[in-house]
Amino acid sequence: MSPSLSVVADNDLKVVTPKTETVAERVRRLQAEARQLAKDHVKALTTAMVDLEQLAAEIADGGDAYAPGVRDVARRLVEDLDSRVQTLEAIVART
């Protein structure tokens, strides 16, 4: 014997029409999204720079396995990247 089926009224369901967004609201929303995307992009840049700084530090401290010129460039890159990351973080903190 199969279960019996019954009709259920849907009187409680209301159709909600979405509020249409004005042009000004849409502009503000899109600008806010763009600002957040830009912040995320800068965060990705600083993360990549920190990763590169760590890699360069490994090479700078790598000893005779690396040519002296390579170690020197890596050492200078570590110094430069550190200050650049700090500059980016300070700029982002102000916004």
PDB file of N, CA and C in Angstrom:
ATOM      1  N   MET A   1       0.836  -1.168   0.000  1.00  0.00           N
ATOM      2  CA  MET A   1       0.000   0.000   0.000  1.00  0.00           C
ATOM      3  C   MET A   1       0.888   1.241   0.000  1.00  0.00           C
ATOM      4  N   SER A   2       0.630   2.137  -0.903  1.00  0.00           N
ATOM      5  CA  SER A   2       1.436   3.355  -0.996  1.00  0.00           C
ATOM      6  C   SER A   2       0.857   4.440  -0.089  1.00  0.00           C
ATOM      7  N   PRO A   3       1.710   5.351   0.390  1.00  0.00           N
ATOM      8  CA  PRO A   3       1.209   6.417   1.260  1.00  0.00           C
ATOM      9  C   PRO A   3       0.253   7.316   0.496  1.00  0.00           C
ATOM     10  N   SER A   4      -0.718   7.807   1.201  1.00  0.00           N
ATOM     11  CA  SER A   4      -1.686   8.684   0.538  1.00  0.00           C
ATOM     12  C   SER A   4      -1.126  10.096   0.448  1.00  0.00           C
ATOM     13  N   LEU A   5      -1.456  10.767  -0.614  1.00  0.00           N
ATOM     14  CA  LEU A   5      -1.008  12.137  -0.846  1.00  0.00           C
ATOM     15  C   LEU A   5      -2.170  13.077  -0.605  1.00  0.00           C
ATOM     16  N   SER A   6      -1.852  14.256  -0.112  1.00  0.00           N
ATOM     17  CA  SER A   6      -2.913  15.239   0.094  1.00  0.00           C
ATOM     18  C   SER A   6      -2.448  16.596  -0.402  1.00  0.00           C
ATOM     19  N   VAL A   7      -3.361  17.435  -0.760  1.00  0.00           N
ATOM     20  CA  VAL A   7      -3.072  18.779  -1.242  1.00  0.00           C
ATOM     21  C   VAL A   7      -2.937  19.694  -0.034  1.00  0.00           C
ATOM     22  N   VAL A   8      -1.846  20.497  -0.044  1.00  0.00           N
ATOM     23  CA  VAL A   8      -1.606  21.438   1.051  1.00  0.00           C
ATOM     24  C   VAL A   8      -1.713  22.841   0.484  1.00  0.00           C
ATOM     25  N   ALA A   9      -2.464  23.677   1.153  1.00  0.00           N
ATOM     26  CA  ALA A   9      -2.621  25.054   0.701  1.00  0.00           C
ATOM     27  C   ALA A   9      -1.345  25.831   0.983  1.00  0.00           C
ATOM     28  N   ASP A  10      -1.009  26.765   0.098  1.00  0.00           N
ATOM     29  CA  ASP A  10       0.175  27.591   0.282  1.00  0.00           C
ATOM     30  C   ASP A  10      -0.211  29.039   0.577  1.00  0.00           C
ATOM     31  N   ASN A  11      -1.214  29.214   1.396  1.00  0.00           N
ATOM     32  CA  ASN A  11      -1.714  30.552   1.714  1.00  0.00           C
ATOM     33  C   ASN A  11      -0.686  31.409   2.452  1.00  0.00           C
ATOM     34  N   ASP A  12       0.236  30.783   3.176  1.00  0.00           N
ATOM     35  CA  ASP A  12       1.197  31.538   3.966  1.00  0.00           C
ATOM     36  C   ASP A  12       2.378  32.058   3.149  1.00  0.00           C
ATOM     37  N   LEU A  13       2.552  31.555   1.955  1.00  0.00           N
ATOM     38  CA  LEU A  13       3.669  31.998   1.132  1.00  0.00           C
ATOM     39  C   LEU A  13       3.357  33.354   0.521  1.00  0.00           C
ATOM     40  N   LYS A  14       4.302  34.253   0.695  1.00  0.00           N
ATOM     41  CA  LYS A  14       4.137  35.589   0.117  1.00  0.00           C
ATOM     42  C   LYS A  14       5.219  35.792  -0.927  1.00  0.00           C
ATOM     43  N   VAL A  15       4.846  36.395  -1.997  1.00  0.00           N
ATOM     44  CA  VAL A  15       5.813  36.687  -3.038  1.00  0.00           C
ATOM     45  C   VAL A  15       6.481  38.005  -2.672  1.00  0.00           C
ATOM     46  N   VAL A  16       7.791  37.935  -2.485  1.00  0.00           N
ATOM     47  CA  VAL A  16       8.554  39.127  -2.127  1.00  0.00           C
ATOM     48  C   VAL A  16       9.217  39.651  -3.380  1.00  0.00           C
ATOM     49  N   THR A  17       8.869  40.838  -3.739  1.00  0.00           N
ATOM     50  CA  THR A  17       9.497  41.446  -4.902  1.00  0.00           C
ATOM     51  C   THR A  17      10.735  42.194  -4.414  1.00  0.00           C
ATOM     52  N   PRO A  18      11.863  41.948  -5.035  1.00  0.00           N
ATOM     53  CA  PRO A  18      13.082  42.617  -4.590  1.00  0.00           C
ATOM     54  C   PRO A  18      13.000  44.125  -4.845  1.00  0.00           C
ATOM     55  N   LYS A  19      13.536  44.865  -3.897  1.00  0.00           N
ATOM     56  CA  LYS A  19      13.568  46.319  -4.047  1.00  0.00           C
ATOM     57  C   LYS A  19      14.557  46.652  -5.154  1.00  0.00           C
ATOM     58  N   THR A  20      14.135  47.471  -6.066  1.00  0.00           N
ATOM     59  CA  THR A  20      15.036  47.847  -7.146  1.00  0.00           C
ATOM     60  C   THR A  20      16.041  48.855  -6.620  1.00  0.00           C
ATOM     61  N   GLU A  21      17.252  48.688  -7.048  1.00  0.00           N
ATOM     62  CA  GLU A  21      18.357  49.519  -6.607  1.00  0.00           C
ATOM     63  C   GLU A  21      18.403  50.780  -7.468  1.00  0.00           C
ATOM     64  N   THR A  22      18.535  51.927  -6.815  1.00  0.00           N
ATOM     65  CA  THR A  22      18.666  53.165  -7.589  1.00  0.00           C
ATOM     66  C   THR A  22      20.064  53.218  -8.185  1.00  0.00           C
ATOM     67  N   VAL A  23      20.249  54.092  -9.141  1.00  0.00           N
ATOM     68  CA  VAL A  23      21.559  54.244  -9.769  1.00  0.00           C
ATOM     69  C   VAL A  23      22.585  54.688  -8.725  1.00  0.00           C
ATOM     70  N   ALA A  24      22.215  55.622  -7.883  1.00  0.00           N
ATOM     71  CA  ALA A  24      23.135  56.108  -6.852  1.00  0.00           C
ATOM     72  C   ALA A  24      23.520  54.987  -5.886  1.00  0.00           C
ATOM     73  N   GLU A  25      22.566  54.158  -5.494  1.00  0.00           N
ATOM     74  CA  GLU A  25      22.853  53.038  -4.600  1.00  0.00           C
ATOM     75  C   GLU A  25      23.786  52.031  -5.282  1.00  0.00           C
ATOM     76  N   ARG A  26      23.514  51.797  -6.549  1.00  0.00           N
ATOM     77  CA  ARG A  26      24.351  50.857  -7.292  1.00  0.00           C
ATOM     78  C   ARG A  26      25.782  51.384  -7.420  1.00  0.00           C
ATOM     79  N   VAL A  27      25.920  52.674  -7.684  1.00  0.00           N
ATOM     80  CA  VAL A  27      27.248  53.281  -7.782  1.00  0.00           C
ATOM     81  C   VAL A  27      27.994  53.127  -6.456  1.00  0.00           C
ATOM     82  N   ARG A  28      27.312  53.432  -5.338  1.00  0.00           N
ATOM     83  CA  ARG A  28      27.946  53.299  -4.024  1.00  0.00           C
ATOM     84  C   ARG A  28      28.348  51.855  -3.738  1.00  0.00           C
ATOM     85  N   ARG A  29      27.470  50.926  -4.080  1.00  0.00           N
ATOM     86  CA  ARG A  29      27.771  49.510  -3.855  1.00  0.00           C
ATOM     87  C   ARG A  29      28.957  49.063  -4.690  1.00  0.00           C
ATOM     88  N   LEU A  30      28.972  49.446  -5.955  1.00  0.00           N
ATOM     89  CA  LEU A  30      30.067  49.050  -6.838  1.00  0.00           C
ATOM     90  C   LEU A  30      31.390  49.691  -6.418  1.00  0.00           C
ATOM     91  N   GLN A  31      31.324  50.941  -5.966  1.00  0.00           N
ATOM     92  CA  GLN A  31      32.539  51.596  -5.480  1.00  0.00           C
ATOM     93  C   GLN A  31      33.070  50.891  -4.236  1.00  0.00           C
ATOM     94  N   ALA A  32      32.182  50.504  -3.340  1.00  0.00           N
ATOM     95  CA  ALA A  32      32.599  49.784  -2.134  1.00  0.00           C
ATOM     96  C   ALA A  32      33.215  48.438  -2.508  1.00  0.00           C
ATOM     97  N   GLU A  33      32.623  47.749  -3.473  1.00  0.00           N
ATOM     98  CA  GLU A  33      33.179  46.473  -3.933  1.00  0.00           C
ATOM     99  C   GLU A  33      34.555  46.684  -4.552  1.00  0.00           C
ATOM    100  N   ALA A  34      34.703  47.735  -5.352  1.00  0.00           N
ATOM    101  CA  ALA A  34      35.992  48.015  -5.989  1.00  0.00           C
ATOM    102  C   ALA A  34      37.061  48.331  -4.945  1.00  0.00           C
ATOM    103  N   ARG A  35      36.702  49.104  -3.915  1.00  0.00           N
ATOM    104  CA  ARG A  35      37.662  49.410  -2.846  1.00  0.00           C
ATOM    105  C   ARG A  35      38.090  48.129  -2.124  1.00  0.00           C
ATOM    106  N   GLN A  36      37.143  47.246  -1.848  1.00  0.00           N
ATOM    107  CA  GLN A  36      37.478  45.997  -1.165  1.00  0.00           C
ATOM    108  C   GLN A  36      38.357  45.120  -2.042  1.00  0.00           C
ATOM    109  N   LEU A  37      38.044  45.047  -3.330  1.00  0.00           N
ATOM    110  CA  LEU A  37      38.877  44.262  -4.244  1.00  0.00           C
ATOM    111  C   LEU A  37      40.289  44.822  -4.314  1.00  0.00           C
ATOM    112  N   ALA A  38      40.412  46.142  -4.326  1.00  0.00           N
ATOM    113  CA  ALA A  38      41.731  46.777  -4.362  1.00  0.00           C
ATOM    114  C   ALA A  38      42.514  46.444  -3.095  1.00  0.00           C
ATOM    115  N   LYS A  39      41.842  46.493  -1.941  1.00  0.00           N
ATOM    116  CA  LYS A  39      42.515  46.135  -0.682  1.00  0.00           C
ATOM    117  C   LYS A  39      42.972  44.682  -0.722  1.00  0.00           C
ATOM    118  N   ASP A  40      42.130  43.799  -1.222  1.00  0.00           N
ATOM    119  CA  ASP A  40      42.481  42.387  -1.325  1.00  0.00           C
ATOM    120  C   ASP A  40      43.680  42.187  -2.263  1.00  0.00           C
ATOM    121  N   HIS A  41      43.706  42.962  -3.329  1.00  0.00           N
ATOM    122  CA  HIS A  41      44.784  42.858  -4.308  1.00  0.00           C
ATOM    123  C   HIS A  41      46.107  43.319  -3.695  1.00  0.00           C
ATOM    124  N   VAL A  42      46.063  44.418  -2.965  1.00  0.00           N
ATOM    125  CA  VAL A  42      47.265  44.922  -2.301  1.00  0.00           C
ATOM    126  C   VAL A  42      47.744  43.928  -1.243  1.00  0.00           C
ATOM    127  N   LYS A  43      46.806  43.307  -0.539  1.00  0.00           N
ATOM    128  CA  LYS A  43      47.160  42.285   0.451  1.00  0.00           C
ATOM    129  C   LYS A  43      47.859  41.120  -0.239  1.00  0.00           C
ATOM    130  N   ALA A  44      47.378  40.704  -1.390  1.00  0.00           N
ATOM    131  CA  ALA A  44      48.021  39.629  -2.141  1.00  0.00           C
ATOM    132  C   ALA A  44      49.428  40.045  -2.579  1.00  0.00           C
ATOM    133  N   LEU A  45      49.586  41.302  -2.956  1.00  0.00           N
ATOM    134  CA  LEU A  45      50.904  41.815  -3.352  1.00  0.00           C
ATOM    135  C   LEU A  45      51.866  41.778  -2.176  1.00  0.00           C
ATOM    136  N   THR A  46      51.434  42.259  -1.013  1.00  0.00           N
ATOM    137  CA  THR A  46      52.325  42.262   0.145  1.00  0.00           C
ATOM    138  C   THR A  46      52.669  40.838   0.583  1.00  0.00           C
ATOM    139  N   THR A  47      51.715  39.936   0.480  1.00  0.00           N
ATOM    140  CA  THR A  47      51.985  38.529   0.816  1.00  0.00           C
ATOM    141  C   THR A  47      53.044  37.952  -0.125  1.00  0.00           C
ATOM    142  N   ALA A  48      52.920  38.240  -1.406  1.00  0.00           N
ATOM    143  CA  ALA A  48      53.896  37.757  -2.383  1.00  0.00           C
ATOM    144  C   ALA A  48      55.271  38.375  -2.126  1.00  0.00           C
ATOM    145  N   MET A  49      55.280  39.635  -1.728  1.00  0.00           N
ATOM    146  CA  MET A  49      56.554  40.303  -1.439  1.00  0.00           C
ATOM    147  C   MET A  49      57.227  39.695  -0.209  1.00  0.00           C
ATOM    148  N   VAL A  50      56.442  39.366   0.811  1.00  0.00           N
ATOM    149  CA  VAL A  50      56.992  38.726   2.011  1.00  0.00           C
ATOM    150  C   VAL A  50      57.548  37.348   1.653  1.00  0.00           C
ATOM    151  N   ASP A  51      56.818  36.605   0.830  1.00  0.00           N
ATOM    152  CA  ASP A  51      57.308  35.287   0.388  1.00  0.00           C
ATOM    153  C   ASP A  51      58.621  35.431  -0.384  1.00  0.00           C
ATOM    154  N   LEU A  52      58.687  36.426  -1.266  1.00  0.00           N
ATOM    155  CA  LEU A  52      59.903  36.667  -2.038  1.00  0.00           C
ATOM    156  C   LEU A  52      61.046  37.101  -1.121  1.00  0.00           C
ATOM    157  N   GLU A  53      60.724  37.897  -0.120  1.00  0.00           N
ATOM    158  CA  GLU A  53      61.742  38.331   0.843  1.00  0.00           C
ATOM    159  C   GLU A  53      62.352  37.120   1.564  1.00  0.00           C
ATOM    160  N   GLN A  54      61.514  36.172   1.948  1.00  0.00           N
ATOM    161  CA  GLN A  54      62.007  34.963   2.625  1.00  0.00           C
ATOM    162  C   GLN A  54      62.891  34.130   1.693  1.00  0.00           C
ATOM    163  N   LEU A  55      62.472  34.020   0.443  1.00  0.00           N
ATOM    164  CA  LEU A  55      63.263  33.269  -0.534  1.00  0.00           C
ATOM    165  C   LEU A  55      64.609  33.951  -0.766  1.00  0.00           C
ATOM    166  N   ALA A  56      64.588  35.260  -0.907  1.00  0.00           N
ATOM    167  CA  ALA A  56      65.827  36.006  -1.119  1.00  0.00           C
ATOM    168  C   ALA A  56      66.748  35.887   0.087  1.00  0.00           C
ATOM    169  N   ALA A  57      66.190  35.882   1.291  1.00  0.00           N
ATOM    170  CA  ALA A  57      67.001  35.728   2.502  1.00  0.00           C
ATOM    171  C   ALA A  57      67.676  34.364   2.531  1.00  0.00           C
ATOM    172  N   GLU A  58      66.967  33.338   2.092  1.00  0.00           N
ATOM    173  CA  GLU A  58      67.560  31.998   2.040  1.00  0.00           C
ATOM    174  C   GLU A  58      68.745  31.970   1.082  1.00  0.00           C
ATOM    175  N   ILE A  59      68.571  32.632  -0.054  1.00  0.00           N
ATOM    176  CA  ILE A  59      69.662  32.666  -1.042  1.00  0.00           C
ATOM    177  C   ILE A  59      70.825  33.512  -0.513  1.00  0.00           C
ATOM    178  N   ALA A  60      70.508  34.646   0.105  1.00  0.00           N
ATOM    179  CA  ALA A  60      71.560  35.511   0.650  1.00  0.00           C
ATOM    180  C   ALA A  60      72.389  34.788   1.697  1.00  0.00           C
ATOM    181  N   ASP A  61      71.753  33.915   2.454  1.00  0.00           N
ATOM    182  CA  ASP A  61      72.448  33.161   3.502  1.00  0.00           C
ATOM    183  C   ASP A  61      72.898  31.783   3.024  1.00  0.00           C
ATOM    184  N   GLY A  62      72.830  31.542   1.728  1.00  0.00           N
ATOM    185  CA  GLY A  62      73.081  30.219   1.181  1.00  0.00           C
ATOM    186  C   GLY A  62      74.525  29.812   1.086  1.00  0.00           C
ATOM    187  N   GLY A  63      75.416  30.707   1.386  1.00  0.00           N
ATOM    188  CA  GLY A  63      76.833  30.350   1.357  1.00  0.00           C
ATOM    189  C   GLY A  63      77.375  30.180  -0.046  1.00  0.00           C
ATOM    190  N   ASP A  64      78.414  29.368  -0.131  1.00  0.00           N
ATOM    191  CA  ASP A  64      79.155  29.221  -1.386  1.00  0.00           C
ATOM    192  C   ASP A  64      78.395  28.492  -2.483  1.00  0.00           C
ATOM    193  N   ALA A  65      77.240  27.948  -2.154  1.00  0.00           N
ATOM    194  CA  ALA A  65      76.454  27.267  -3.191  1.00  0.00           C
ATOM    195  C   ALA A  65      75.976  28.263  -4.241  1.00  0.00           C
ATOM    196  N   TYR A  66      75.854  29.527  -3.841  1.00  0.00           N
ATOM    197  CA  TYR A  66      75.403  30.579  -4.760  1.00  0.00           C
ATOM    198  C   TYR A  66      76.577  31.497  -5.086  1.00  0.00           C
ATOM    199  N   ALA A  67      76.575  31.994  -6.287  1.00  0.00           N
ATOM    200  CA  ALA A  67      77.622  32.936  -6.687  1.00  0.00           C
ATOM    201  C   ALA A  67      77.547  34.192  -5.821  1.00  0.00           C
ATOM    202  N   PRO A  68      78.702  34.784  -5.505  1.00  0.00           N
ATOM    203  CA  PRO A  68      78.696  35.977  -4.636  1.00  0.00           C
ATOM    204  C   PRO A  68      77.803  37.102  -5.169  1.00  0.00           C
ATOM    205  N   GLY A  69      77.744  37.304  -6.435  1.00  0.00           N
ATOM    206  CA  GLY A  69      76.888  38.350  -7.000  1.00  0.00           C
ATOM    207  C   GLY A  69      75.418  38.060  -6.767  1.00  0.00           C
ATOM    208  N   VAL A  70      75.029  36.798  -6.853  1.00  0.00           N
ATOM    209  CA  VAL A  70      73.641  36.404  -6.618  1.00  0.00           C
ATOM    210  C   VAL A  70      73.278  36.647  -5.157  1.00  0.00           C
ATOM    211  N   ARG A  71      74.172  36.248  -4.251  1.00  0.00           N
ATOM    212  CA  ARG A  71      73.917  36.470  -2.821  1.00  0.00           C
ATOM    213  C   ARG A  71      73.785  37.952  -2.505  1.00  0.00           C
ATOM    214  N   ASP A  72      74.603  38.768  -3.141  1.00  0.00           N
ATOM    215  CA  ASP A  72      74.552  40.211  -2.892  1.00  0.00           C
ATOM    216  C   ASP A  72      73.241  40.810  -3.382  1.00  0.00           C
ATOM    217  N   VAL A  73      72.809  40.415  -4.562  1.00  0.00           N
ATOM    218  CA  VAL A  73      71.521  40.904  -5.085  1.00  0.00           C
ATOM    219  C   VAL A  73      70.386  40.449  -4.180  1.00  0.00           C
ATOM    220  N   ALA A  74      70.430  39.220  -3.745  1.00  0.00           N
ATOM    221  CA  ALA A  74      69.387  38.700  -2.855  1.00  0.00           C
ATOM    222  C   ALA A  74      69.369  39.463  -1.533  1.00  0.00           C
ATOM    223  N   ARG A  75      70.551  39.758  -0.971  1.00  0.00           N
ATOM    224  CA  ARG A  75      70.624  40.511   0.282  1.00  0.00           C
ATOM    225  C   ARG A  75      70.019  41.908   0.125  1.00  0.00           C
ATOM    226  N   ARG A  76      70.370  42.581  -0.989  1.00  0.00           N
ATOM    227  CA  ARG A  76      69.816  43.920  -1.221  1.00  0.00           C
ATOM    228  C   ARG A  76      68.312  43.862  -1.452  1.00  0.00           C
ATOM    229  N   LEU A  77      67.849  42.803  -2.103  1.00  0.00           N
ATOM    230  CA  LEU A  77      66.420  42.623  -2.339  1.00  0.00           C
ATOM    231  C   LEU A  77      65.667  42.451  -1.025  1.00  0.00           C
ATOM    232  N   VAL A  78      66.249  41.709  -0.088  1.00  0.00           N
ATOM    233  CA  VAL A  78      65.629  41.531   1.232  1.00  0.00           C
ATOM    234  C   VAL A  78      65.429  42.887   1.897  1.00  0.00           C
ATOM    235  N   GLU A  79      66.470  43.720   1.890  1.00  0.00           N
ATOM    236  CA  GLU A  79      66.388  45.039   2.514  1.00  0.00           C
ATOM    237  C   GLU A  79      65.326  45.908   1.843  1.00  0.00           C
ATOM    238  N   ASP A  80      65.315  45.884   0.516  1.00  0.00           N
ATOM    239  CA  ASP A  80      64.367  46.722  -0.225  1.00  0.00           C
ATOM    240  C   ASP A  80      62.933  46.244  -0.029  1.00  0.00           C
ATOM    241  N   LEU A  81      62.716  44.945  -0.103  1.00  0.00           N
ATOM    242  CA  LEU A  81      61.363  44.415   0.046  1.00  0.00           C
ATOM    243  C   LEU A  81      60.791  44.697   1.428  1.00  0.00           C
ATOM    244  N   ASP A  82      61.616  44.595   2.452  1.00  0.00           N
ATOM    245  CA  ASP A  82      61.144  44.865   3.810  1.00  0.00           C
ATOM    246  C   ASP A  82      60.602  46.286   3.917  1.00  0.00           C
ATOM    247  N   SER A  83      61.348  47.251   3.415  1.00  0.00           N
ATOM    248  CA  SER A  83      60.877  48.646   3.503  1.00  0.00           C
ATOM    249  C   SER A  83      59.662  48.888   2.615  1.00  0.00           C
ATOM    250  N   ARG A  84      59.612  48.241   1.467  1.00  0.00           N
ATOM    251  CA  ARG A  84      58.456  48.403   0.562  1.00  0.00           C
ATOM    252  C   ARG A  84      57.191  47.816   1.171  1.00  0.00           C
ATOM    253  N   VAL A  85      57.303  46.667   1.814  1.00  0.00           N
ATOM    254  CA  VAL A  85      56.140  46.049   2.465  1.00  0.00           C
ATOM    255  C   VAL A  85      55.639  46.951   3.582  1.00  0.00           C
ATOM    256  N   GLN A  86      56.555  47.486   4.367  1.00  0.00           N
ATOM    257  CA  GLN A  86      56.162  48.394   5.445  1.00  0.00           C
ATOM    258  C   GLN A  86      55.469  49.635   4.893  1.00  0.00           C
ATOM    259  N   THR A  87      55.958  50.159   3.783  1.00  0.00           N
ATOM    260  CA  THR A  87      55.339  51.334   3.161  1.00  0.00           C
ATOM    261  C   THR A  87      53.925  51.012   2.696  1.00  0.00           C
ATOM    262  N   LEU A  88      53.761  49.885   2.018  1.00  0.00           N
ATOM    263  CA  LEU A  88      52.423  49.494   1.560  1.00  0.00           C
ATOM    264  C   LEU A  88      51.464  49.308   2.732  1.00  0.00           C
ATOM    265  N   GLU A  89      51.927  48.639   3.778  1.00  0.00           N
ATOM    266  CA  GLU A  89      51.067  48.415   4.944  1.00  0.00           C
ATOM    267  C   GLU A  89      50.672  49.734   5.599  1.00  0.00           C
ATOM    268  N   ALA A  90      51.590  50.693   5.653  1.00  0.00           N
ATOM    269  CA  ALA A  90      51.270  52.002   6.240  1.00  0.00           C
ATOM    270  C   ALA A  90      50.249  52.741   5.391  1.00  0.00           C
ATOM    271  N   ILE A  91      50.397  52.667   4.089  1.00  0.00           N
ATOM    272  CA  ILE A  91      49.442  53.345   3.195  1.00  0.00           C
ATOM    273  C   ILE A  91      48.059  52.731   3.335  1.00  0.00           C
ATOM    274  N   VAL A  92      47.982  51.413   3.344  1.00  0.00           N
ATOM    275  CA  VAL A  92      46.695  50.723   3.441  1.00  0.00           C
ATOM    276  C   VAL A  92      46.038  51.014   4.799  1.00  0.00           C
ATOM    277  N   ALA A  93      46.849  51.116   5.841  1.00  0.00           N
ATOM    278  CA  ALA A  93      46.304  51.383   7.172  1.00  0.00           C
ATOM    279  C   ALA A  93      45.619  52.754   7.250  1.00  0.00           C
ATOM    280  N   ARG A  94      46.070  53.686   6.421  1.00  0.00           N
ATOM    281  CA  ARG A  94      45.482  55.038   6.428  1.00  0.00           C
ATOM    282  C   ARG A  94      44.154  55.097   5.702  1.00  0.00           C
ATOM    283  N   THR A  95      43.884  54.140   4.849  1.00  0.00           N
ATOM    284  CA  THR A  95      42.658  54.212   4.043  1.00  0.00           C
ATOM    285  C   THR A  95      41.501  53.499   4.722  1.00  0.00           C
TER     286      THR A  95
END
